[in-house]
Amino acid sequence: MSTQVTFHGHGTFAIETAGKTILIDPFFTDNPSATVAADDVAADAIIVSHGHFDHVADVVSIAKRTGATVISNFEIVTWLQKQGVENGHPMNTGGQAKFDWGTVKLTLAFHSSSLPDGGNGGSPSGVLLKLADGTIYHACDTALFGDMKLIGEEGIDLAILPIGDTFTMGPDDALRAIRLIEPKRVVPDHYNTWPPIAQDADVWAERVRAQTSAEPVVLQPGQSLTL
């Protein structure tokens, strides 16, 4: 069965691969763009990129309900375990781990990572997934940085890049990131959730087609693509 990548709005994605469902940064309950509820999503693994509320809000409830393994940095996993999450897999930037559905590597991300209660959320990260059907790089919340070129050397089939500006890269820097990463396809995220990050993704996609070799795919919340 082919790998399916579903956008749930903001920075939240579900990846169905090898008979498992992996959630990245689950944010449903207070996400105005989400089309499903946290109680209705499946998860065998949950990957958390950093500690901000719009990336960890539903992790505890989903992990407790599903028994999913939560993969994140040491500080976030420790924080979640104190809230009753039983299956945690702590990592840190640059490290990778193999699971029965693929390999996870935490990459650099230039952002902040405080937890909702003000606690230390460790270092933010992006996520590099090596799956049977291809390689996905979810940059998560980040500024542009030159070492994206090194990540691109992994051979990226699908890149997920923020375009919202204000809190992350904007459209211009996301184009520069594509030139560094050279992915086959690219999906924009972290935009239009609230007015400060409003962007026209279709206009951006036209710029991607004109200025890079990547194929842009603009997904609406609830829509999927096949890797």
Foldseek 3Di string as FASTA:
>chain_A
DFWKWAFQAFQWIWIQFPNFIEIEQDAADPFPQGPDHLVPDAHQEYEAQAAECSRCVSVLVRCVVHVHEYEYAPVVQVVSVVVPRDHYDHDDAQDKDADPFWIKHWHAAAAAHAHPVRHHTDHGTWIWTQGPNFIETERGAHEADQCLLVVLVVAAQEYEEEAQPPRGHHLVSVLVSCVSNVYQEYEYHNADSDVSRHDDVVVSQVVCVVPGNHHYDYDRRGDMDTD
